[in-house]
C-alpha atoms as a PDB file:
ATOM      1  CA  MET A   1     128.899 132.085  88.953  1.00  0.00           C
ATOM      2  CA  ARG A   2     128.753 135.305  87.002  1.00  0.00           C
ATOM      3  CA  PRO A   3     127.448 138.160  89.185  1.00  0.00           C
ATOM      4  CA  ASN A   4     125.411 139.826  86.454  1.00  0.00           C
ATOM      5  CA  LYS A   5     123.490 136.679  85.565  1.00  0.00           C
ATOM      6  CA  ALA A   6     120.307 135.680  87.423  1.00  0.00           C
ATOM      7  CA  LEU A   7     117.232 133.494  87.205  1.00  0.00           C
ATOM      8  CA  VAL A   8     114.147 135.190  88.574  1.00  0.00           C
ATOM      9  CA  ASP A   9     111.837 133.417  90.980  1.00  0.00           C
ATOM     10  CA  THR A  10     108.062 133.822  90.864  1.00  0.00           C
ATOM     11  CA  ASN A  11     107.909 136.173  93.860  1.00  0.00           C
ATOM     12  CA  VAL A  12     110.417 138.523  92.216  1.00  0.00           C
ATOM     13  CA  VAL A  13     108.427 138.708  88.981  1.00  0.00           C
ATOM     14  CA  ILE A  14     105.262 139.394  90.980  1.00  0.00           C
ATOM     15  CA  GLY A  15     107.091 142.185  92.831  1.00  0.00           C
ATOM     16  CA  PHE A  16     108.218 143.595  89.487  1.00  0.00           C
ATOM     17  CA  PHE A  17     104.649 143.549  88.179  1.00  0.00           C
ATOM     18  CA  ALA A  18     103.556 145.336  91.356  1.00  0.00           C
ATOM     19  CA  GLY A  19     106.106 148.091  90.677  1.00  0.00           C
ATOM     20  CA  GLN A  20     108.113 147.468  93.855  1.00  0.00           C
ATOM     21  CA  PRO A  21     111.230 149.686  93.711  1.00  0.00           C
ATOM     22  CA  ASP A  22     113.511 147.127  95.413  1.00  0.00           C
ATOM     23  CA  VAL A  23     112.670 144.512  92.801  1.00  0.00           C
ATOM     24  CA  ILE A  24     112.990 146.909  89.886  1.00  0.00           C
ATOM     25  CA  ALA A  25     116.431 148.023  91.126  1.00  0.00           C
ATOM     26  CA  ALA A  26     117.562 144.412  91.596  1.00  0.00           C
ATOM     27  CA  LEU A  27     116.457 143.446  88.096  1.00  0.00           C
ATOM     28  CA  GLN A  28     118.050 146.522  86.536  1.00  0.00           C
ATOM     29  CA  SER A  29     121.384 145.613  88.157  1.00  0.00           C
ATOM     30  CA  LYS A  30     121.633 142.448  86.031  1.00  0.00           C
ATOM     31  CA  ARG A  31     122.933 142.195  82.487  1.00  0.00           C
ATOM     32  CA  GLU A  32     121.402 138.786  81.894  1.00  0.00           C
ATOM     33  CA  LEU A  33     118.002 137.769  83.250  1.00  0.00           C
ATOM     34  CA  PHE A  34     116.513 134.335  82.781  1.00  0.00           C
ATOM     35  CA  LEU A  35     112.994 133.123  83.391  1.00  0.00           C
ATOM     36  CA  PRO A  36     112.808 129.417  84.242  1.00  0.00           C
ATOM     37  CA  VAL A  37     109.998 127.686  82.372  1.00  0.00           C
ATOM     38  CA  ILE A  38     108.843 126.457  85.811  1.00  0.00           C
ATOM     39  CA  VAL A  39     108.365 130.062  86.966  1.00  0.00           C
ATOM     40  CA  LEU A  40     106.570 130.863  83.724  1.00  0.00           C
ATOM     41  CA  GLY A  41     104.148 128.028  84.500  1.00  0.00           C
ATOM     42  CA  GLU A  42     103.574 129.317  88.034  1.00  0.00           C
ATOM     43  CA  LEU A  43     102.891 132.777  86.650  1.00  0.00           C
ATOM     44  CA  TYR A  44     100.438 131.433  84.049  1.00  0.00           C
ATOM     45  CA  TYR A  45      98.673 129.632  86.880  1.00  0.00           C
ATOM     46  CA  GLY A  46      98.341 132.955  88.702  1.00  0.00           C
ATOM     47  CA  VAL A  47      97.060 134.655  85.561  1.00  0.00           C
ATOM     48  CA  HIS A  48      94.326 132.056  85.115  1.00  0.00           C
ATOM     49  CA  ARG A  49      93.190 132.486  88.712  1.00  0.00           C
ATOM     50  CA  SER A  50      93.250 136.283  88.439  1.00  0.00           C
ATOM     51  CA  THR A  51      90.232 138.548  88.160  1.00  0.00           C
ATOM     52  CA  ARG A  52      92.215 140.649  85.645  1.00  0.00           C
ATOM     53  CA  ARG A  53      93.122 137.753  83.395  1.00  0.00           C
ATOM     54  CA  GLU A  54      93.537 139.596  80.071  1.00  0.00           C
ATOM     55  CA  ALA A  55      95.680 142.427  81.431  1.00  0.00           C
ATOM     56  CA  ASN A  56      97.855 140.050  83.442  1.00  0.00           C
ATOM     57  CA  LEU A  57      98.232 137.684  80.496  1.00  0.00           C
ATOM     58  CA  GLU A  58      99.406 140.513  78.259  1.00  0.00           C
ATOM     59  CA  ARG A  59     101.884 141.738  80.877  1.00  0.00           C
ATOM     60  CA  LEU A  60     103.257 138.232  81.428  1.00  0.00           C
ATOM     61  CA  GLN A  61     103.681 137.539  77.723  1.00  0.00           C
ATOM     62  CA  GLN A  62     105.514 140.844  77.247  1.00  0.00           C
ATOM     63  CA  PHE A  63     107.841 140.100  80.182  1.00  0.00           C
ATOM     64  CA  ALA A  64     108.570 136.604  78.836  1.00  0.00           C
ATOM     65  CA  GLN A  65     109.633 138.155  75.513  1.00  0.00           C
ATOM     66  CA  GLU A  66     112.083 140.524  77.252  1.00  0.00           C
ATOM     67  CA  VAL A  67     114.020 137.819  79.090  1.00  0.00           C
ATOM     68  CA  GLN A  68     115.357 134.464  78.020  1.00  0.00           C
ATOM     69  CA  VAL A  69     113.098 131.580  79.036  1.00  0.00           C
ATOM     70  CA  LEU A  70     115.107 128.545  80.114  1.00  0.00           C
ATOM     71  CA  ASP A  71     113.734 125.075  79.389  1.00  0.00           C
ATOM     72  CA  CYS A  72     114.708 121.954  81.275  1.00  0.00           C
ATOM     73  CA  THR A  73     117.177 119.608  79.598  1.00  0.00           C
ATOM     74  CA  PRO A  74     118.554 116.178  80.459  1.00  0.00           C
ATOM     75  CA  GLU A  75     121.385 118.018  82.257  1.00  0.00           C
ATOM     76  CA  THR A  76     118.791 119.930  84.308  1.00  0.00           C
ATOM     77  CA  ALA A  77     117.227 116.604  85.281  1.00  0.00           C
ATOM     78  CA  LYS A  78     120.630 115.268  86.372  1.00  0.00           C
ATOM     79  CA  VAL A  79     121.305 118.315  88.555  1.00  0.00           C
ATOM     80  CA  TYR A  80     117.743 118.199  89.917  1.00  0.00           C
ATOM     81  CA  GLY A  81     118.246 114.582  90.983  1.00  0.00           C
ATOM     82  CA  GLU A  82     121.484 115.490  92.775  1.00  0.00           C
ATOM     83  CA  ILE A  83     119.840 118.425  94.567  1.00  0.00           C
ATOM     84  CA  LYS A  84     116.754 116.462  95.580  1.00  0.00           C
ATOM     85  CA  ALA A  85     118.828 113.526  96.894  1.00  0.00           C
ATOM     86  CA  ALA A  86     121.178 115.804  98.853  1.00  0.00           C
ATOM     87  CA  LEU A  87     118.279 117.674 100.467  1.00  0.00           C
ATOM     88  CA  ALA A  88     116.424 114.442 101.260  1.00  0.00           C
ATOM     89  CA  SER A  89     119.503 112.940 102.897  1.00  0.00           C
ATOM     90  CA  LYS A  90     119.709 115.991 105.174  1.00  0.00           C
ATOM     91  CA  GLY A  91     115.974 115.868 105.888  1.00  0.00           C
ATOM     92  CA  SER A  92     115.506 119.394 104.566  1.00  0.00           C
ATOM     93  CA  PRO A  93     113.520 119.317 101.322  1.00  0.00           C
ATOM     94  CA  ILE A  94     112.388 122.451  99.539  1.00  0.00           C
ATOM     95  CA  PRO A  95     109.293 122.852  97.320  1.00  0.00           C
ATOM     96  CA  GLU A  96     109.434 120.666  94.213  1.00  0.00           C
ATOM     97  CA  ASN A  97     109.339 123.518  91.702  1.00  0.00           C
ATOM     98  CA  ASP A  98     112.129 125.301  93.564  1.00  0.00           C
ATOM     99  CA  SER A  99     114.351 122.223  93.229  1.00  0.00           C
ATOM    100  CA  TRP A 100     113.918 122.482  89.448  1.00  0.00           C
ATOM    101  CA  ILE A 101     114.604 126.240  89.515  1.00  0.00           C
ATOM    102  CA  ALA A 102     117.785 125.622  91.537  1.00  0.00           C
ATOM    103  CA  ALA A 103     118.870 122.963  89.046  1.00  0.00           C
ATOM    104  CA  LEU A 104     118.430 125.373  86.132  1.00  0.00           C
ATOM    105  CA  ALA A 105     120.427 128.046  87.981  1.00  0.00           C
ATOM    106  CA  ILE A 106     123.305 125.670  88.682  1.00  0.00           C
ATOM    107  CA  GLU A 107     123.240 124.341  85.126  1.00  0.00           C
ATOM    108  CA  HIS A 108     123.437 127.879  83.716  1.00  0.00           C
ATOM    109  CA  ASP A 109     125.930 129.186  86.278  1.00  0.00           C
ATOM    110  CA  ALA A 110     123.535 131.863  87.517  1.00  0.00           C
ATOM    111  CA  ALA A 111     122.156 133.083  90.825  1.00  0.00           C
ATOM    112  CA  VAL A 112     118.541 132.653  91.830  1.00  0.00           C
ATOM    113  CA  MET A 113     116.988 136.045  92.534  1.00  0.00           C
ATOM    114  CA  THR A 114     114.283 135.365  95.124  1.00  0.00           C
ATOM    115  CA  ARG A 115     112.599 136.228  98.398  1.00  0.00           C
ATOM    116  CA  ASP A 116     112.554 132.574  99.551  1.00  0.00           C
ATOM    117  CA  SER A 117     115.331 131.759 102.023  1.00  0.00           C
ATOM    118  CA  HIS A 118     114.979 127.985 101.569  1.00  0.00           C
ATOM    119  CA  PHE A 119     117.052 128.203  98.370  1.00  0.00           C
ATOM    120  CA  SER A 120     120.082 128.659 100.642  1.00  0.00           C
ATOM    121  CA  LYS A 121     119.771 124.956 101.587  1.00  0.00           C
ATOM    122  CA  VAL A 122     120.999 123.978  98.104  1.00  0.00           C
ATOM    123  CA  VAL A 123     124.750 123.406  98.144  1.00  0.00           C
ATOM    124  CA  GLY A 124     126.530 125.124  95.274  1.00  0.00           C
ATOM    125  CA  LEU A 125     123.655 127.465  94.474  1.00  0.00           C
ATOM    126  CA  SER A 126     124.190 131.209  94.480  1.00  0.00           C
ATOM    127  CA  VAL A 127     121.174 132.986  95.954  1.00  0.00           C
ATOM    128  CA  GLU A 128     120.465 136.690  95.697  1.00  0.00           C
ATOM    129  CA  MET A 129     117.823 137.677  98.228  1.00  0.00           C
ATOM    130  CA  VAL A 130     115.589 140.556  97.178  1.00  0.00           C
ATOM    131  CA  PRO A 131     114.351 142.492 100.219  1.00  0.00           C
ATOM    132  CA  ALA A 132     110.727 142.282 101.191  1.00  0.00           C
ATOM    133  CA  LYS A 133     108.342 144.870  99.816  1.00  0.00           C
ATOM    134  CA  ASN A 134     109.116 148.428 100.894  1.00  0.00           C
END
């Protein structure tokens, strides 16, 4: 895993949009940032439920242009299946979307930058925890 390469989780992007210094510093420390298409979908969901839909939509679209959006591939699906089966066999599943995010991170040899500790259950996944809001 390359240390300057990270996929951002939804809660990190939300922290960035909120101007949280810890998130901004974490993002600025990376040379390569990737936005999983799954996270983009979660963020669009939030935009459409927002009372400030237009402003949030514009901000999201600008952010998505500044990072590389990663789509799922057949290789992602293969890794996802391995992750999901391994977690199920241990009786410790994680949220469905997070299994896909983990698969993309492993496929692209990147860390997941998140505030969700359950990512640490995924064997072979590098997780970079971003501290809670300060």
